[in-house]
Amino acid sequence: MAEYEASGLNRTAFCQQKGLSLSTLVRYRRRQQQTTGESANGNRWLAVEISGATAVAGGENASGLAVSLPGGWRIEIGRGFDPDTLKRLLVVVERR
């Protein structure tokens, strides 16, 4: 499961690349959730690293968030972002 999560691939692409059936990956995922106490919807605690970088974009008073994802993806959210746009973006990212 760690290899799958680190790959940045969606489930189908990962299974094709590794020669696994999708049901096998799903079974391992369920086992991991039971072992770690992770909920069925995938919610879990994630490690957070505070970087020394200053504001995202917008000057010295700007405040925002930056999330680095497996596969080199990075999402930066500036101050005053639209939460609905972020939700739509996350839906797309989860499909990968």
N, C-alpha and C. Protein backbone atom coordinates (compact mmCIF):
# COMPACT_ATOMS: atom_id res chain seq x y z
N MET A 1 0.82 -1.19 0.00
CA MET A 1 0.00 0.00 0.00
C MET A 1 0.86 1.25 0.00
N ALA A 2 1.98 1.21 0.68
CA ALA A 2 2.87 2.38 0.71
C ALA A 2 3.38 2.68 -0.70
N GLU A 3 3.69 1.64 -1.45
CA GLU A 3 4.18 1.84 -2.82
C GLU A 3 3.09 2.46 -3.69
N TYR A 4 1.87 1.99 -3.54
CA TYR A 4 0.74 2.55 -4.30
C TYR A 4 0.55 4.02 -3.95
N GLU A 5 0.51 4.33 -2.66
CA GLU A 5 0.27 5.71 -2.22
C GLU A 5 1.38 6.65 -2.68
N ALA A 6 2.60 6.16 -2.69
CA ALA A 6 3.73 6.98 -3.09
C ALA A 6 3.83 7.14 -4.61
N SER A 7 3.16 6.26 -5.34
CA SER A 7 3.28 6.27 -6.81
C SER A 7 2.64 7.48 -7.47
N GLY A 8 1.58 8.01 -6.85
CA GLY A 8 0.87 9.12 -7.47
C GLY A 8 -0.07 8.67 -8.58
N LEU A 9 -0.17 7.36 -8.78
CA LEU A 9 -1.04 6.82 -9.83
C LEU A 9 -2.42 6.55 -9.27
N ASN A 10 -3.42 6.51 -10.17
CA ASN A 10 -4.72 6.08 -9.71
C ASN A 10 -4.70 4.56 -9.56
N ARG A 11 -5.74 4.00 -8.95
CA ARG A 11 -5.74 2.56 -8.66
C ARG A 11 -5.60 1.72 -9.91
N THR A 12 -6.34 2.07 -10.95
CA THR A 12 -6.32 1.29 -12.19
C THR A 12 -4.94 1.29 -12.82
N ALA A 13 -4.33 2.45 -12.93
CA ALA A 13 -3.01 2.56 -13.55
C ALA A 13 -1.96 1.80 -12.73
N PHE A 14 -2.03 1.91 -11.40
CA PHE A 14 -1.06 1.21 -10.56
C PHE A 14 -1.20 -0.30 -10.73
N CYS A 15 -2.44 -0.78 -10.72
CA CYS A 15 -2.66 -2.22 -10.87
C CYS A 15 -2.17 -2.72 -12.22
N GLN A 16 -2.42 -1.97 -13.27
CA GLN A 16 -1.94 -2.36 -14.59
C GLN A 16 -0.41 -2.40 -14.62
N GLN A 17 0.21 -1.40 -14.02
CA GLN A 17 1.68 -1.32 -14.01
C GLN A 17 2.30 -2.48 -13.23
N LYS A 18 1.65 -2.89 -12.15
CA LYS A 18 2.19 -3.94 -11.28
C LYS A 18 1.64 -5.33 -11.58
N GLY A 19 0.68 -5.43 -12.53
CA GLY A 19 0.11 -6.72 -12.86
C GLY A 19 -0.81 -7.26 -11.76
N LEU A 20 -1.47 -6.37 -11.04
CA LEU A 20 -2.40 -6.75 -9.98
C LEU A 20 -3.83 -6.56 -10.44
N SER A 21 -4.73 -7.30 -9.85
CA SER A 21 -6.14 -7.03 -10.10
C SER A 21 -6.57 -5.92 -9.15
N LEU A 22 -7.56 -5.16 -9.57
CA LEU A 22 -8.07 -4.07 -8.75
C LEU A 22 -8.62 -4.61 -7.43
N SER A 23 -9.26 -5.78 -7.46
CA SER A 23 -9.82 -6.36 -6.24
C SER A 23 -8.72 -6.68 -5.22
N THR A 24 -7.54 -7.06 -5.68
CA THR A 24 -6.42 -7.34 -4.78
C THR A 24 -6.00 -6.07 -4.06
N LEU A 25 -5.87 -4.99 -4.81
CA LEU A 25 -5.49 -3.71 -4.21
C LEU A 25 -6.55 -3.26 -3.20
N VAL A 26 -7.81 -3.40 -3.55
CA VAL A 26 -8.90 -3.02 -2.65
C VAL A 26 -8.85 -3.85 -1.37
N ARG A 27 -8.58 -5.15 -1.49
CA ARG A 27 -8.50 -6.04 -0.34
C ARG A 27 -7.35 -5.60 0.59
N TYR A 28 -6.18 -5.31 0.01
CA TYR A 28 -5.06 -4.85 0.83
C TYR A 28 -5.36 -3.52 1.50
N ARG A 29 -6.06 -2.66 0.80
CA ARG A 29 -6.44 -1.36 1.36
C ARG A 29 -7.35 -1.54 2.58
N ARG A 30 -8.32 -2.45 2.46
CA ARG A 30 -9.22 -2.72 3.59
C ARG A 30 -8.45 -3.26 4.79
N ARG A 31 -7.51 -4.15 4.52
CA ARG A 31 -6.70 -4.70 5.62
C ARG A 31 -5.90 -3.60 6.30
N GLN A 32 -5.35 -2.71 5.50
CA GLN A 32 -4.58 -1.61 6.06
C GLN A 32 -5.48 -0.73 6.93
N GLN A 33 -6.68 -0.45 6.46
CA GLN A 33 -7.61 0.39 7.22
C GLN A 33 -7.96 -0.27 8.55
N GLN A 34 -8.15 -1.58 8.54
CA GLN A 34 -8.49 -2.29 9.77
C GLN A 34 -7.31 -2.27 10.74
N THR A 35 -6.10 -2.43 10.21
CA THR A 35 -4.89 -2.46 11.03
C THR A 35 -4.59 -1.10 11.64
N THR A 36 -4.74 -0.05 10.85
CA THR A 36 -4.37 1.29 11.31
C THR A 36 -5.53 2.04 11.96
N GLY A 37 -6.74 1.49 11.87
CA GLY A 37 -7.89 2.19 12.40
C GLY A 37 -8.37 3.30 11.50
N GLU A 38 -7.88 3.32 10.28
CA GLU A 38 -8.26 4.34 9.30
C GLU A 38 -9.72 4.13 8.93
N SER A 39 -10.45 5.20 8.76
CA SER A 39 -11.86 5.08 8.40
C SER A 39 -12.02 4.63 6.95
N ALA A 40 -13.19 4.14 6.63
CA ALA A 40 -13.46 3.60 5.29
C ALA A 40 -13.35 4.66 4.20
N ASN A 41 -13.56 5.92 4.52
CA ASN A 41 -13.48 6.95 3.49
C ASN A 41 -12.06 7.46 3.28
N GLY A 42 -11.09 6.85 3.94
CA GLY A 42 -9.70 7.20 3.69
C GLY A 42 -9.15 8.30 4.57
N ASN A 43 -9.94 8.81 5.52
CA ASN A 43 -9.43 9.86 6.39
C ASN A 43 -8.36 9.29 7.30
N ARG A 44 -7.29 10.02 7.46
CA ARG A 44 -6.21 9.59 8.33
C ARG A 44 -5.35 10.79 8.66
N TRP A 45 -4.51 10.66 9.64
CA TRP A 45 -3.59 11.72 10.00
C TRP A 45 -2.44 11.73 9.01
N LEU A 46 -2.01 12.89 8.65
CA LEU A 46 -0.88 13.05 7.74
C LEU A 46 0.20 13.87 8.43
N ALA A 47 1.44 13.52 8.14
CA ALA A 47 2.55 14.32 8.67
C ALA A 47 2.56 15.67 7.97
N VAL A 48 2.84 16.71 8.72
CA VAL A 48 2.90 18.06 8.16
C VAL A 48 4.28 18.62 8.46
N GLU A 49 4.88 19.21 7.45
CA GLU A 49 6.20 19.81 7.61
C GLU A 49 6.07 21.31 7.43
N ILE A 50 6.55 22.06 8.39
CA ILE A 50 6.53 23.52 8.29
C ILE A 50 7.81 23.93 7.58
N SER A 51 7.65 24.59 6.44
CA SER A 51 8.84 24.99 5.67
C SER A 51 9.28 26.38 6.08
N GLY A 52 10.51 26.69 5.75
CA GLY A 52 11.05 28.00 6.05
C GLY A 52 10.68 29.04 5.01
N ALA A 53 9.95 28.61 3.98
CA ALA A 53 9.58 29.53 2.91
C ALA A 53 8.64 30.60 3.44
N THR A 54 8.73 31.77 2.87
CA THR A 54 7.84 32.86 3.27
C THR A 54 6.53 32.72 2.52
N ALA A 55 5.79 33.76 2.41
CA ALA A 55 4.45 33.75 1.83
C ALA A 55 4.39 33.09 0.47
N VAL A 56 3.24 32.53 0.16
CA VAL A 56 3.02 31.88 -1.13
C VAL A 56 3.16 32.92 -2.22
N ALA A 57 2.19 33.56 -2.64
CA ALA A 57 2.31 34.64 -3.62
C ALA A 57 1.49 35.80 -3.10
N GLY A 58 1.91 36.97 -3.35
CA GLY A 58 1.08 38.10 -2.96
C GLY A 58 1.73 39.03 -1.97
N GLY A 59 3.01 38.96 -1.80
CA GLY A 59 3.67 39.93 -0.93
C GLY A 59 3.93 39.40 0.46
N GLU A 60 4.54 40.25 1.27
CA GLU A 60 4.99 39.81 2.58
C GLU A 60 3.86 39.53 3.56
N ASN A 61 2.68 40.10 3.35
CA ASN A 61 1.56 39.86 4.25
C ASN A 61 0.67 38.71 3.81
N ALA A 62 1.00 38.09 2.70
CA ALA A 62 0.16 37.00 2.20
C ALA A 62 0.27 35.79 3.12
N SER A 63 -0.80 35.05 3.21
CA SER A 63 -0.81 33.83 4.00
C SER A 63 -1.52 32.78 3.19
N GLY A 64 -1.02 31.58 3.22
CA GLY A 64 -1.66 30.53 2.44
C GLY A 64 -1.16 29.17 2.85
N LEU A 65 -1.57 28.20 2.11
CA LEU A 65 -1.20 26.82 2.36
C LEU A 65 -0.56 26.25 1.11
N ALA A 66 0.34 25.31 1.28
CA ALA A 66 0.92 24.59 0.16
C ALA A 66 0.93 23.12 0.53
N VAL A 67 0.45 22.27 -0.37
CA VAL A 67 0.41 20.84 -0.14
C VAL A 67 1.20 20.16 -1.25
N SER A 68 2.20 19.37 -0.86
CA SER A 68 2.97 18.60 -1.84
C SER A 68 2.45 17.17 -1.83
N LEU A 69 2.15 16.66 -3.01
CA LEU A 69 1.57 15.34 -3.13
C LEU A 69 2.53 14.40 -3.83
N PRO A 70 2.30 13.09 -3.70
CA PRO A 70 3.14 12.13 -4.42
C PRO A 70 3.11 12.40 -5.91
N GLY A 71 4.18 12.10 -6.58
CA GLY A 71 4.24 12.31 -8.01
C GLY A 71 4.66 13.73 -8.38
N GLY A 72 5.09 14.52 -7.39
CA GLY A 72 5.55 15.86 -7.67
C GLY A 72 4.47 16.92 -7.75
N TRP A 73 3.22 16.57 -7.49
CA TRP A 73 2.14 17.54 -7.51
C TRP A 73 2.27 18.47 -6.32
N ARG A 74 1.92 19.73 -6.52
CA ARG A 74 1.94 20.72 -5.44
C ARG A 74 0.73 21.62 -5.62
N ILE A 75 -0.01 21.79 -4.57
CA ILE A 75 -1.19 22.67 -4.58
C ILE A 75 -0.90 23.82 -3.63
N GLU A 76 -0.97 25.02 -4.13
CA GLU A 76 -0.78 26.21 -3.30
C GLU A 76 -2.09 26.98 -3.24
N ILE A 77 -2.45 27.34 -2.04
CA ILE A 77 -3.72 28.04 -1.83
C ILE A 77 -3.40 29.36 -1.16
N GLY A 78 -3.75 30.45 -1.84
CA GLY A 78 -3.49 31.78 -1.30
C GLY A 78 -4.61 32.22 -0.38
N ARG A 79 -4.35 33.30 0.28
CA ARG A 79 -5.31 33.90 1.19
C ARG A 79 -6.59 34.27 0.42
N GLY A 80 -7.73 33.99 1.00
CA GLY A 80 -9.00 34.34 0.38
C GLY A 80 -9.41 33.40 -0.74
N PHE A 81 -8.92 32.16 -0.74
CA PHE A 81 -9.27 31.21 -1.80
C PHE A 81 -10.75 30.84 -1.75
N ASP A 82 -11.23 30.31 -2.85
CA ASP A 82 -12.62 29.87 -2.95
C ASP A 82 -12.70 28.40 -2.57
N PRO A 83 -13.33 28.05 -1.45
CA PRO A 83 -13.36 26.67 -1.00
C PRO A 83 -14.04 25.71 -1.99
N ASP A 84 -15.03 26.18 -2.72
CA ASP A 84 -15.70 25.31 -3.69
C ASP A 84 -14.77 24.93 -4.84
N THR A 85 -13.93 25.85 -5.26
CA THR A 85 -12.95 25.55 -6.30
C THR A 85 -11.95 24.52 -5.79
N LEU A 86 -11.52 24.66 -4.54
CA LEU A 86 -10.59 23.70 -3.95
C LEU A 86 -11.24 22.31 -3.90
N LYS A 87 -12.48 22.22 -3.51
CA LYS A 87 -13.18 20.92 -3.46
C LYS A 87 -13.21 20.27 -4.84
N ARG A 88 -13.51 21.06 -5.87
CA ARG A 88 -13.55 20.50 -7.23
C ARG A 88 -12.16 20.02 -7.66
N LEU A 89 -11.13 20.78 -7.31
CA LEU A 89 -9.76 20.38 -7.63
C LEU A 89 -9.40 19.07 -6.94
N LEU A 90 -9.75 18.93 -5.68
CA LEU A 90 -9.42 17.71 -4.95
C LEU A 90 -10.13 16.49 -5.51
N VAL A 91 -11.33 16.66 -6.02
CA VAL A 91 -12.05 15.55 -6.67
C VAL A 91 -11.25 15.06 -7.87
N VAL A 92 -10.75 16.00 -8.66
CA VAL A 92 -9.95 15.64 -9.84
C VAL A 92 -8.66 14.93 -9.42
N VAL A 93 -7.98 15.46 -8.41
CA VAL A 93 -6.73 14.87 -7.95
C VAL A 93 -6.96 13.46 -7.42
N GLU A 94 -8.04 13.23 -6.71
CA GLU A 94 -8.33 11.90 -6.17
C GLU A 94 -8.58 10.88 -7.26
N ARG A 95 -9.04 11.29 -8.41
CA ARG A 95 -9.31 10.36 -9.52
C ARG A 95 -8.03 9.83 -10.15
N ARG A 96 -6.91 10.55 -9.99
CA ARG A 96 -5.67 10.12 -10.61
C ARG A 96 -5.27 8.79 -10.14
